C-alpha cells in the first residue's frame, strides 16, 4: 500500500507530468491508502487511467466510468 502523497508520482512514466492538479487529486484518491493497491504495477495502471481522462471530464468522472471507459483496475471493492 502506498500512503505518502509523493508516492503517486511512482505511477507516472519517465518525464510525464499530470495533466492538471485535478488529475493528480483523483489519482491520489484512488491510488493512495488503498489496501488493494499492493504493487507498483497497479499504481501505474491507476495513474495512467486517470491521466487519460479528458480535462473537461476529470471533475465529473465516476468510478464506474474510470473502470469501464479508461481501463482503471477495479481494486476498490
Protein backbone atom coordinates (compact mmCIF):
# COMPACT_ATOMS: atom_id res chain seq x y z
CA UNK A 1 0.00 0.00 0.00
CA UNK A 2 1.23 3.48 -0.88
CA UNK A 3 0.48 6.17 1.70
CA UNK A 4 2.55 9.31 1.08
CA UNK A 5 1.36 11.97 -1.37
CA UNK A 6 4.70 11.97 -3.16
CA UNK A 7 4.34 8.25 -3.91
CA UNK A 8 1.66 8.98 -6.53
CA UNK A 9 4.47 10.12 -8.83
CA UNK A 10 5.63 6.48 -8.96
CA UNK A 11 2.70 5.92 -11.34
CA UNK A 12 3.98 8.41 -13.90
CA UNK A 13 6.14 7.47 -16.87
CA UNK A 14 9.62 8.99 -17.11
CA UNK A 15 9.26 12.69 -17.88
CA UNK A 16 5.46 12.59 -17.61
CA UNK A 17 3.51 15.08 -15.51
CA UNK A 18 -0.14 15.14 -14.51
CA UNK A 19 -2.36 16.99 -17.00
CA UNK A 20 -3.78 19.09 -14.14
CA UNK A 21 -3.89 19.33 -10.36
CA UNK A 22 -7.36 17.76 -10.55
CA UNK A 23 -5.91 14.71 -12.30
CA UNK A 24 -3.33 14.37 -9.55
CA UNK A 25 -6.00 14.70 -6.85
CA UNK A 26 -8.14 11.98 -8.44
CA UNK A 27 -5.13 9.69 -8.81
CA UNK A 28 -4.22 10.21 -5.15
CA UNK A 29 -7.80 9.50 -4.07
CA UNK A 30 -7.89 6.23 -5.99
CA UNK A 31 -4.33 5.02 -5.54
CA UNK A 32 -3.10 6.11 -2.14
CA UNK A 33 -4.08 4.43 1.14
CA UNK A 34 -5.96 1.82 -0.88
CA UNK A 35 -5.29 -1.60 0.69
CA UNK A 36 -5.92 -3.26 -2.69
CA UNK A 37 -3.04 -1.39 -4.34
CA UNK A 38 -0.26 -3.69 -3.27
CA UNK A 39 2.23 -3.22 -6.09
CA UNK A 40 3.60 -0.53 -8.33
CA UNK A 41 2.06 -2.04 -11.44
CA UNK A 42 -1.43 -1.42 -10.09
CA UNK A 43 -0.49 2.12 -9.05
CA UNK A 44 0.85 2.79 -12.56
CA UNK A 45 -2.36 1.46 -14.13
CA UNK A 46 -4.48 3.75 -11.93
CA UNK A 47 -2.37 6.84 -12.60
CA UNK A 48 -2.26 6.21 -16.35
CA UNK A 49 -6.04 5.68 -16.46
CA UNK A 50 -6.58 8.98 -14.63
CA UNK A 51 -4.18 10.78 -16.97
CA UNK A 52 -6.26 9.56 -19.93
CA UNK A 53 -9.41 11.29 -18.67
CA UNK A 54 -10.06 14.48 -20.67
CA UNK A 55 -9.58 17.64 -18.63
CA UNK A 56 -13.21 18.68 -19.16
CA UNK A 57 -14.39 15.40 -17.54
CA UNK A 58 -11.95 15.00 -14.67
CA UNK A 59 -14.21 16.79 -12.17
CA UNK A 60 -17.27 14.71 -13.06
CA UNK A 61 -15.93 11.25 -13.98
CA UNK A 62 -17.34 8.43 -11.86
CA UNK A 63 -15.56 5.37 -10.56
CA UNK A 64 -17.59 3.13 -12.86
CA UNK A 65 -16.61 5.30 -15.84
CA UNK A 66 -12.97 5.12 -14.77
CA UNK A 67 -13.17 1.32 -14.77
CA UNK A 68 -15.24 0.86 -17.95
CA UNK A 69 -14.05 3.71 -20.19
CA UNK A 70 -10.50 4.35 -19.04
CA UNK A 71 -9.37 0.82 -18.10
CA UNK A 72 -8.70 1.67 -14.47
CA UNK A 73 -8.13 -1.53 -12.49
CA UNK A 74 -11.12 -2.46 -10.37
CA UNK A 75 -9.43 -2.56 -6.99
CA UNK A 76 -11.89 -0.53 -4.96
CA UNK A 77 -14.45 -3.02 -3.66
